[in-house]
Amino acid sequence: MKIRIFLVAVFAALLSGCVSAPDSEGWGYSQKKEFLTILETDKYVSICNQQELYENVKKSKNSKLMTKMLVAYTNNLANSCIDLKSFKASQEIKKENKIDTYYAINHQVVSKSNIIMKLRSRQTIEEILKPYVPQSDQFFKLSQAYSALKVENNTSANVLHKIRLNIERTKLMEPIIDANYALINIPEFTVRIVEGNNTALQFAVIVGKPHMQTPIFSEQLQYVTINPQWGVPDSIARNEIIPNMLKKPNYLARKNMVIRKSYDLSSPEVNQDDVDWTPYIGGEEEVPYKFIEIPSNRNALGRVKFIFPNKHAVYMHDTQSKRLFKRQKRAFSHGCIRLEKPVSLLRHITTYYTNQNNETVKKWYDSLKTHHLKINKRLMVHTAYLTSYMNKSGKILMFNDVYGFDKSQKLNFE
């Protein structure tokens, strides 16, 4: 009798939807209901180019179509709704036109079989989607604002497009998994040191010129060089230093520069009059002699640089060109990030991310001799390209498309 009552209860529960046995595709009733709710509001703004499929799913509740929709939705969430094929082609065209550009794409593999396996193991849809949700507060903030503005229906199509494009960019970014990080937003010409839910520091930066773009990527801050020497990159040596040196005999002395066999100041010295420099003007070949600007108050890198090693040889540093921070558009560098307040950043990094104290570091700074300050607490540095950004006051800030990515990144549903 007890067994019969139990079976009747289970059968009733199945009919009511309280317990959902998976169908042949692996879908349970509760999973279908949950997914349809997510799609109804497009919670993760990832229907994109699958609107027609969504309409069919909504009408039919067909399990095979629902699986197809879940895989497509997950892929749009993981890898954005930007047409990456056309974007990559546009990047190659820029490079052919001698524009130095780089945009890192955090590609994630979305496996249909893996998603079906998770469905069959009774994972919720939220659990299935979670690994692919962008780890960026801007994704959530801009998504909520975008949905609200669409409902209000009084925002221009251009503004909505710009916000949506930046939502998609957060999907391409390296996940921001740490509570503390540095964010350099290139179109905003601003760096923020974010710690928890607070912005500990925020000030202006100078970024790369449109044809020498600061790359979009992420790396970990590892050390700070105080009173750095500047090892002139070969590209700058070929196109700027050598031509000026040949025109002006005292050019190197005025620039506080020396020539060595390598970027090590202790390597053999080279006399500029002993070398035929003609073959090294322009072109792309390696220059076998290295130009070094020695540490001083006039050094092009200023008095401090912050190193997050990367293949682009890009870093944050002080600058002699303080007047440029008064400009609204600040794309003047060769790709590195020049800092408006390098000493403030040095103090903050010393206090919270090293074992040293500010008194010792100030002595190093005042000595005009090169010292290296090791970072002992993780701080990721993210260079980003967000032409829409929601600040801590909840206001959406809009910025000019300094590198043209708003034009070259096309949405796959427009």
Protein backbone atom coordinates (compact mmCIF):
# COMPACT_ATOMS: atom_id res chain seq x y z
CA MET A 1 0.00 0.00 0.00
CA LYS A 2 2.84 2.38 0.97
CA ILE A 3 4.65 1.65 -2.33
CA ARG A 4 1.48 2.38 -4.29
CA ILE A 5 0.98 5.71 -2.51
CA PHE A 6 4.64 6.62 -3.17
CA LEU A 7 4.34 5.84 -6.91
CA VAL A 8 1.14 7.87 -7.19
CA ALA A 9 2.89 10.81 -5.49
CA VAL A 10 5.88 10.63 -7.84
CA PHE A 11 3.60 10.43 -10.89
CA ALA A 12 1.62 13.43 -9.67
CA ALA A 13 4.85 15.36 -9.09
CA LEU A 14 6.05 14.60 -12.60
CA LEU A 15 2.75 15.81 -14.05
CA SER A 16 2.88 19.00 -12.00
CA GLY A 17 6.46 19.76 -13.00
CA CYS A 18 7.88 19.59 -9.45
CA VAL A 19 10.15 16.76 -10.58
CA SER A 20 11.21 16.76 -14.21
CA ALA A 21 12.44 13.63 -15.90
CA PRO A 22 14.77 14.49 -18.83
CA ASP A 23 13.44 14.02 -22.34
CA SER A 24 15.40 12.37 -25.19
CA GLU A 25 17.46 15.59 -25.66
CA GLY A 26 18.30 15.76 -21.97
CA TRP A 27 15.95 18.61 -21.11
CA GLY A 28 13.96 18.61 -17.90
CA TYR A 29 10.84 20.69 -17.41
CA SER A 30 12.49 23.08 -14.95
CA GLN A 31 15.47 23.61 -17.27
CA LYS A 32 13.19 24.52 -20.18
CA LYS A 33 11.23 26.92 -18.01
CA GLU A 34 14.43 28.52 -16.70
CA PHE A 35 15.95 28.95 -20.17
CA LEU A 36 12.77 30.47 -21.60
CA THR A 37 12.75 32.97 -18.73
CA ILE A 38 16.38 33.92 -19.49
CA LEU A 39 15.55 34.32 -23.18
CA GLU A 40 12.42 36.35 -22.50
CA THR A 41 14.48 39.19 -21.02
CA ASP A 42 17.67 38.25 -22.87
CA LYS A 43 19.33 38.36 -19.44
CA TYR A 44 22.86 37.96 -20.84
CA VAL A 45 22.26 40.02 -24.02
CA SER A 46 23.25 37.12 -26.27
CA ILE A 47 20.29 36.27 -28.51
CA CYS A 48 21.93 38.50 -31.14
CA ASN A 49 21.81 36.77 -34.55
CA GLN A 50 19.51 33.99 -33.27
CA GLN A 51 16.27 35.99 -33.07
CA GLU A 52 14.48 33.81 -35.64
CA LEU A 53 15.53 30.63 -33.85
CA TYR A 54 14.36 32.11 -30.57
CA GLU A 55 10.90 32.84 -32.00
CA ASN A 56 10.64 29.20 -33.14
CA VAL A 57 11.76 27.95 -29.73
CA LYS A 58 9.27 30.18 -27.96
CA LYS A 59 6.39 28.88 -30.07
CA SER A 60 7.27 25.19 -30.25
CA LYS A 61 9.23 24.46 -27.02
CA ASN A 62 10.92 21.84 -29.23
CA SER A 63 13.82 20.24 -27.37
CA LYS A 64 16.14 19.93 -30.38
CA LEU A 65 15.61 23.57 -31.25
CA MET A 66 16.10 24.49 -27.61
CA THR A 67 19.45 22.68 -27.56
CA LYS A 68 20.49 24.49 -30.72
CA MET A 69 19.44 27.78 -29.11
CA LEU A 70 21.33 27.07 -25.89
CA VAL A 71 24.55 26.29 -27.77
CA ALA A 72 24.20 29.43 -29.91
CA TYR A 73 23.34 31.59 -26.90
CA THR A 74 26.32 30.24 -24.96
CA ASN A 75 28.66 30.90 -27.89
CA ASN A 76 27.39 34.47 -28.26
CA LEU A 77 27.90 34.97 -24.55
CA ALA A 78 31.37 33.43 -24.54
CA ASN A 79 32.76 34.97 -27.72
CA SER A 80 30.59 38.05 -28.30
CA CYS A 81 28.18 39.07 -31.03
CA ILE A 82 30.92 40.92 -32.92
CA ASP A 83 31.69 39.59 -36.38
CA LEU A 84 35.22 38.50 -35.49
CA LYS A 85 36.06 37.30 -38.98
CA SER A 86 35.52 40.73 -40.52
CA PHE A 87 37.23 42.43 -37.56
CA LYS A 88 40.35 40.30 -37.89
CA ALA A 89 40.40 41.06 -41.63
CA SER A 90 40.21 44.80 -40.89
CA GLN A 91 43.11 44.46 -38.46
CA GLU A 92 45.24 42.83 -41.16
CA ILE A 93 44.43 45.67 -43.57
CA LYS A 94 45.56 48.18 -40.93
CA LYS A 95 48.85 46.34 -40.51
CA GLU A 96 49.37 46.33 -44.28
CA ASN A 97 48.90 50.10 -44.12
CA LYS A 98 51.69 50.35 -41.49
CA ILE A 99 49.34 50.86 -38.56
CA ASP A 100 50.69 49.16 -35.45
CA THR A 101 47.57 47.59 -33.89
CA TYR A 102 46.75 44.68 -31.59
CA TYR A 103 43.45 43.62 -30.02
CA ALA A 104 43.52 40.52 -27.80
CA ILE A 105 40.45 38.28 -28.05
CA ASN A 106 39.74 35.92 -25.17
CA HIS A 107 38.28 33.08 -27.25
CA GLN A 108 36.42 30.33 -25.39
CA VAL A 109 35.55 26.92 -26.78
CA VAL A 110 31.85 26.09 -26.58
CA SER A 111 31.21 22.36 -26.96
CA LYS A 112 27.71 21.13 -27.85
CA SER A 113 28.43 17.70 -26.39
CA ASN A 114 29.64 19.26 -23.15
CA ILE A 115 26.50 21.37 -22.85
CA ILE A 116 24.26 18.32 -23.48
CA MET A 117 26.22 16.38 -20.87
CA LYS A 118 25.58 19.16 -18.35
CA LEU A 119 21.89 19.18 -19.25
CA ARG A 120 21.65 15.42 -18.70
CA SER A 121 23.47 15.75 -15.35
CA ARG A 122 20.63 18.07 -14.25
CA GLN A 123 22.67 21.27 -14.05
CA THR A 124 20.58 24.43 -14.11
CA ILE A 125 20.88 26.74 -17.12
CA GLU A 126 22.51 29.35 -14.91
CA GLU A 127 25.14 26.79 -13.93
CA ILE A 128 25.74 25.92 -17.58
CA LEU A 129 26.13 29.58 -18.60
CA LYS A 130 28.17 30.69 -15.58
CA PRO A 131 31.67 29.80 -16.94
CA TYR A 132 31.02 32.02 -19.97
CA VAL A 133 29.59 35.11 -18.25
CA PRO A 134 32.11 38.00 -18.59
CA GLN A 135 33.98 38.75 -15.39
CA SER A 136 33.70 42.51 -15.72
CA ASP A 137 31.50 44.88 -13.74
CA GLN A 138 31.03 46.90 -16.94
CA PHE A 139 29.27 43.93 -18.57
CA PHE A 140 26.57 43.92 -15.89
CA LYS A 141 26.31 47.71 -15.55
CA LEU A 142 26.11 48.42 -19.27
CA SER A 143 23.75 45.47 -19.86
CA GLN A 144 21.28 46.73 -17.25
CA ALA A 145 21.47 50.27 -18.60
CA TYR A 146 21.04 49.07 -22.18
CA SER A 147 17.92 47.04 -21.33
CA ALA A 148 16.40 49.95 -19.40
CA LEU A 149 17.09 52.46 -22.19
CA LYS A 150 15.51 50.15 -24.78
CA VAL A 151 12.34 49.92 -22.70
CA GLU A 152 12.20 53.70 -22.23
CA ASN A 153 12.42 54.03 -26.03
CA ASN A 154 13.74 57.61 -25.99
CA THR A 155 17.43 56.96 -26.65
CA SER A 156 18.91 57.37 -30.10
CA ALA A 157 19.82 54.31 -32.15
CA ASN A 158 23.43 55.51 -32.34
CA VAL A 159 23.77 55.69 -28.57
CA LEU A 160 22.15 52.27 -28.10
CA HIS A 161 24.47 50.81 -30.73
CA LYS A 162 27.53 52.26 -29.01
CA ILE A 163 26.51 50.88 -25.61
CA ARG A 164 25.71 47.47 -27.09
CA LEU A 165 29.05 47.33 -28.90
CA ASN A 166 30.86 47.93 -25.62
CA ILE A 167 28.83 45.22 -23.89
CA GLU A 168 30.14 42.85 -26.55
CA ARG A 169 33.71 44.07 -25.98
CA THR A 170 33.51 43.05 -22.33
CA LYS A 171 32.85 39.51 -23.57
CA LEU A 172 36.17 39.57 -25.44
CA MET A 173 38.20 40.85 -22.50
CA GLU A 174 40.43 38.73 -20.32
CA PRO A 175 38.29 37.89 -17.24
CA ILE A 176 38.78 40.37 -14.40
CA ILE A 177 38.81 37.80 -11.61
CA ASP A 178 40.77 39.81 -9.03
CA ALA A 179 39.31 42.33 -6.62
CA ASN A 180 42.31 44.60 -7.26
CA TYR A 181 43.42 45.59 -10.75
CA ALA A 182 44.51 48.48 -12.97
CA LEU A 183 42.23 49.42 -15.87
CA ILE A 184 43.55 51.68 -18.61
CA ASN A 185 40.62 52.76 -20.76
CA ILE A 186 42.22 53.99 -23.97
CA PRO A 187 39.35 56.07 -25.47
CA GLU A 188 38.89 57.75 -22.08
CA PHE A 189 42.65 58.45 -21.69
CA THR A 190 42.28 57.36 -18.06
CA VAL A 191 43.77 54.80 -15.69
CA ARG A 192 41.97 53.51 -12.60
CA ILE A 193 43.35 51.43 -9.76
CA VAL A 194 40.31 49.47 -8.62
CA GLU A 195 40.34 47.79 -5.22
CA GLY A 196 37.23 45.90 -4.23
CA ASN A 197 34.27 48.10 -5.12
CA ASN A 198 36.30 51.30 -4.82
CA THR A 199 38.47 53.30 -7.19
CA ALA A 200 41.63 53.93 -5.16
CA LEU A 201 43.29 56.10 -7.82
CA GLN A 202 42.13 57.66 -11.08
CA PHE A 203 44.01 60.07 -13.33
CA ALA A 204 44.80 60.96 -16.92
CA VAL A 205 47.09 59.07 -19.25
CA ILE A 206 48.57 59.56 -22.71
CA VAL A 207 48.21 56.58 -25.07
CA GLY A 208 49.59 55.57 -28.44
CA LYS A 209 49.04 57.55 -31.62
CA PRO A 210 46.37 56.22 -34.02
CA HIS A 211 49.10 54.63 -36.19
CA MET A 212 51.10 53.38 -33.15
CA GLN A 213 48.23 52.10 -31.04
CA THR A 214 48.48 51.02 -27.44
CA PRO A 215 47.64 47.29 -27.65
CA ILE A 216 44.54 45.82 -25.98
CA PHE A 217 45.71 43.05 -23.63
CA SER A 218 46.19 42.01 -19.99
CA GLU A 219 49.33 41.21 -17.99
CA GLN A 220 50.46 41.21 -14.38
CA LEU A 221 52.47 44.06 -12.85
CA GLN A 222 55.81 42.59 -11.74
CA TYR A 223 58.15 45.42 -10.82
CA VAL A 224 58.74 49.17 -10.87
CA THR A 225 61.94 50.76 -12.15
CA ILE A 226 62.93 53.96 -10.41
CA ASN A 227 65.19 56.33 -12.37
CA PRO A 228 65.04 54.18 -15.50
CA GLN A 229 67.30 54.26 -18.49
CA TRP A 230 65.52 54.30 -21.83
CA GLY A 231 66.58 51.66 -24.30
CA VAL A 232 65.46 53.21 -27.58
CA PRO A 233 63.49 50.66 -29.67
CA ASP A 234 65.00 49.93 -33.08
CA SER A 235 61.95 51.38 -34.85
CA ILE A 236 62.46 54.76 -33.15
CA ALA A 237 66.24 54.57 -33.66
CA ARG A 238 65.83 54.00 -37.42
CA ASN A 239 63.17 56.64 -38.01
CA GLU A 240 64.02 59.33 -35.47
CA ILE A 241 67.28 59.03 -33.53
CA ILE A 242 69.71 58.16 -36.35
CA PRO A 243 68.37 60.78 -38.84
CA ASN A 244 68.52 63.48 -36.14
CA MET A 245 72.00 62.36 -35.02
CA LEU A 246 73.32 62.68 -38.59
CA LYS A 247 71.80 66.15 -39.00
CA LYS A 248 72.90 67.48 -35.61
CA PRO A 249 76.38 66.44 -34.38
CA ASN A 250 75.57 67.22 -30.71
CA TYR A 251 72.15 65.55 -30.79
CA LEU A 252 73.08 62.57 -28.58
CA ALA A 253 74.82 64.71 -25.98
CA ARG A 254 71.80 67.02 -25.74
CA LYS A 255 69.52 64.02 -25.35
CA ASN A 256 71.77 62.47 -22.70
CA MET A 257 72.19 59.39 -24.91
CA VAL A 258 75.02 56.92 -25.43
CA ILE A 259 75.54 54.09 -27.93
CA ARG A 260 76.35 50.58 -26.74
CA LYS A 261 76.60 47.10 -28.24
CA SER A 262 73.53 46.12 -26.19
CA TYR A 263 70.95 47.73 -23.90
CA ASP A 264 73.27 47.05 -20.96
CA LEU A 265 75.05 50.29 -20.02
CA SER A 266 78.13 48.27 -19.03
CA SER A 267 78.48 46.84 -22.56
CA PRO A 268 81.20 48.25 -24.91
CA GLU A 269 80.75 51.88 -25.94
CA VAL A 270 80.36 52.73 -29.63
CA ASN A 271 81.60 55.97 -31.19
CA GLN A 272 78.99 57.38 -33.58
CA ASP A 273 81.75 58.46 -36.04
CA ASP A 274 83.00 54.87 -36.38
CA VAL A 275 79.79 53.55 -37.94
CA ASP A 276 78.20 54.03 -41.35
CA TRP A 277 74.59 54.67 -40.25
CA THR A 278 73.08 54.96 -43.72
CA PRO A 279 71.89 51.31 -43.95
CA TYR A 280 69.99 51.66 -40.68
CA ILE A 281 67.81 54.60 -41.66
CA GLY A 282 64.18 53.50 -42.09
CA GLY A 283 63.44 49.89 -42.99
CA GLU A 284 62.60 47.13 -40.53
CA GLU A 285 65.90 45.31 -39.91
CA GLU A 286 67.46 45.10 -36.46
CA VAL A 287 69.92 47.86 -35.60
CA PRO A 288 73.08 46.16 -34.20
CA TYR A 289 73.89 49.18 -32.02
CA LYS A 290 71.66 50.30 -29.17
CA PHE A 291 70.86 53.88 -28.19
CA ILE A 292 70.37 54.40 -24.45
CA GLU A 293 69.18 57.49 -22.65
CA ILE A 294 70.77 57.37 -19.22
CA PRO A 295 68.79 58.13 -16.01
CA SER A 296 68.30 61.81 -15.31
CA ASN A 297 65.69 64.45 -14.58
CA ARG A 298 65.33 64.86 -18.34
CA ASN A 299 64.92 61.20 -19.27
CA ALA A 300 62.10 60.59 -21.79
CA LEU A 301 60.61 57.97 -19.44
CA GLY A 302 60.72 60.40 -16.56
CA ARG A 303 61.68 59.08 -13.14
CA VAL A 304 59.65 55.88 -12.88
CA LYS A 305 58.17 53.12 -15.03
CA PHE A 306 55.79 50.29 -14.15
CA ILE A 307 56.57 46.98 -15.84
CA PHE A 308 54.03 44.30 -16.72
CA PRO A 309 56.17 42.19 -19.11
CA ASN A 310 54.57 41.60 -22.51
CA LYS A 311 55.48 40.91 -26.12
CA HIS A 312 54.58 44.47 -27.11
CA ALA A 313 57.29 46.07 -24.91
CA VAL A 314 54.58 48.38 -23.55
CA TYR A 315 54.57 49.75 -20.00
CA MET A 316 53.34 52.70 -17.91
CA HIS A 317 55.81 55.51 -17.25
CA ASP A 318 56.44 59.08 -16.23
CA THR A 319 56.95 61.70 -18.96
CA GLN A 320 58.59 65.05 -19.60
CA SER A 321 55.62 66.23 -21.68
CA LYS A 322 53.39 67.30 -18.79
CA ARG A 323 51.70 69.98 -20.90
CA LEU A 324 50.00 67.31 -23.03
CA PHE A 325 47.78 66.29 -20.13
CA LYS A 326 45.87 69.54 -20.63
CA ARG A 327 44.67 68.23 -24.00
CA GLN A 328 41.29 66.52 -24.20
CA LYS A 329 42.51 64.01 -26.79
CA ARG A 330 45.76 62.46 -25.61
CA ALA A 331 47.01 59.98 -28.22
CA PHE A 332 50.65 61.05 -28.57
CA SER A 333 52.90 58.16 -27.50
CA HIS A 334 54.63 55.37 -29.42
CA GLY A 335 52.32 52.87 -27.70
CA CYS A 336 53.32 53.07 -24.03
CA ILE A 337 51.09 54.65 -21.40
CA ARG A 338 52.36 57.96 -20.02
CA LEU A 339 51.11 58.82 -16.54
CA GLU A 340 49.83 62.16 -15.27
CA LYS A 341 50.55 61.22 -11.63
CA PRO A 342 53.42 58.68 -11.60
CA VAL A 343 54.61 59.60 -8.10
CA SER A 344 51.13 59.10 -6.64
CA LEU A 345 50.98 55.69 -8.29
CA LEU A 346 54.48 54.86 -7.02
CA ARG A 347 53.47 55.69 -3.43
CA HIS A 348 50.29 53.63 -3.69
CA ILE A 349 52.03 50.63 -5.23
CA THR A 350 54.84 50.81 -2.66
CA THR A 351 52.38 50.95 0.24
CA TYR A 352 50.02 48.18 -0.82
CA TYR A 353 51.87 45.93 -3.26
CA THR A 354 55.51 45.69 -2.07
CA ASN A 355 57.56 44.90 1.03
CA GLN A 356 59.35 48.24 0.87
CA ASN A 357 58.45 51.48 2.65
CA ASN A 358 57.96 54.87 1.10
CA GLU A 359 60.95 56.41 2.91
CA THR A 360 63.39 53.96 1.30
CA VAL A 361 61.78 54.30 -2.10
CA LYS A 362 61.99 58.10 -1.89
CA LYS A 363 65.73 57.83 -1.21
CA TRP A 364 66.05 55.65 -4.31
CA TYR A 365 64.05 58.20 -6.29
CA ASP A 366 66.18 61.14 -5.10
CA SER A 367 69.46 59.32 -5.82
CA LEU A 368 68.94 59.46 -9.63
CA LYS A 369 70.36 55.92 -9.69
CA THR A 370 68.39 53.01 -11.11
CA HIS A 371 66.59 50.78 -8.60
CA HIS A 372 64.03 48.01 -9.10
CA LEU A 373 61.03 47.64 -6.81
CA LYS A 374 59.55 44.13 -6.78
CA ILE A 375 55.77 43.63 -6.60
CA ASN A 376 54.72 40.96 -4.09
CA LYS A 377 50.93 41.21 -4.37
CA ARG A 378 49.05 40.37 -7.56
CA LEU A 379 47.88 43.36 -9.62
CA MET A 380 46.70 42.72 -13.16
CA VAL A 381 46.93 45.53 -15.68
CA HIS A 382 44.16 45.56 -18.29
CA THR A 383 44.28 47.89 -21.27
CA ALA A 384 40.73 48.20 -22.55
CA TYR A 385 38.85 49.89 -25.37
CA LEU A 386 35.51 51.02 -23.97
CA THR A 387 33.90 53.96 -25.74
CA SER A 388 30.97 53.61 -23.31
CA TYR A 389 31.73 53.30 -19.61
CA MET A 390 29.48 53.50 -16.55
CA ASN A 391 31.19 55.35 -13.73
CA LYS A 392 30.74 54.81 -10.00
CA SER A 393 27.92 57.40 -9.95
CA GLY A 394 25.90 55.34 -12.42
CA LYS A 395 26.40 57.74 -15.32
CA ILE A 396 27.23 56.35 -18.76
CA LEU A 397 30.24 58.18 -20.17
CA MET A 398 30.72 58.25 -23.94
CA PHE A 399 34.08 58.66 -25.67
CA ASN A 400 35.38 59.24 -29.19
CA ASP A 401 36.52 56.28 -31.29
CA VAL A 402 40.22 57.20 -31.22
CA TYR A 403 41.45 53.99 -32.96
CA GLY A 404 38.42 53.35 -35.17
CA PHE A 405 37.30 50.11 -33.48
CA ASP A 406 33.69 51.33 -33.29
CA LYS A 407 33.70 51.23 -37.08
CA SER A 408 35.71 48.05 -37.64
CA GLN A 409 33.84 45.90 -35.10
CA LYS A 410 30.48 44.98 -36.63
CA LEU A 411 27.65 43.39 -34.66
CA ASN A 412 26.42 40.12 -36.17
CA PHE A 413 22.74 41.02 -35.85
CA GLU A 414 22.56 44.47 -37.43
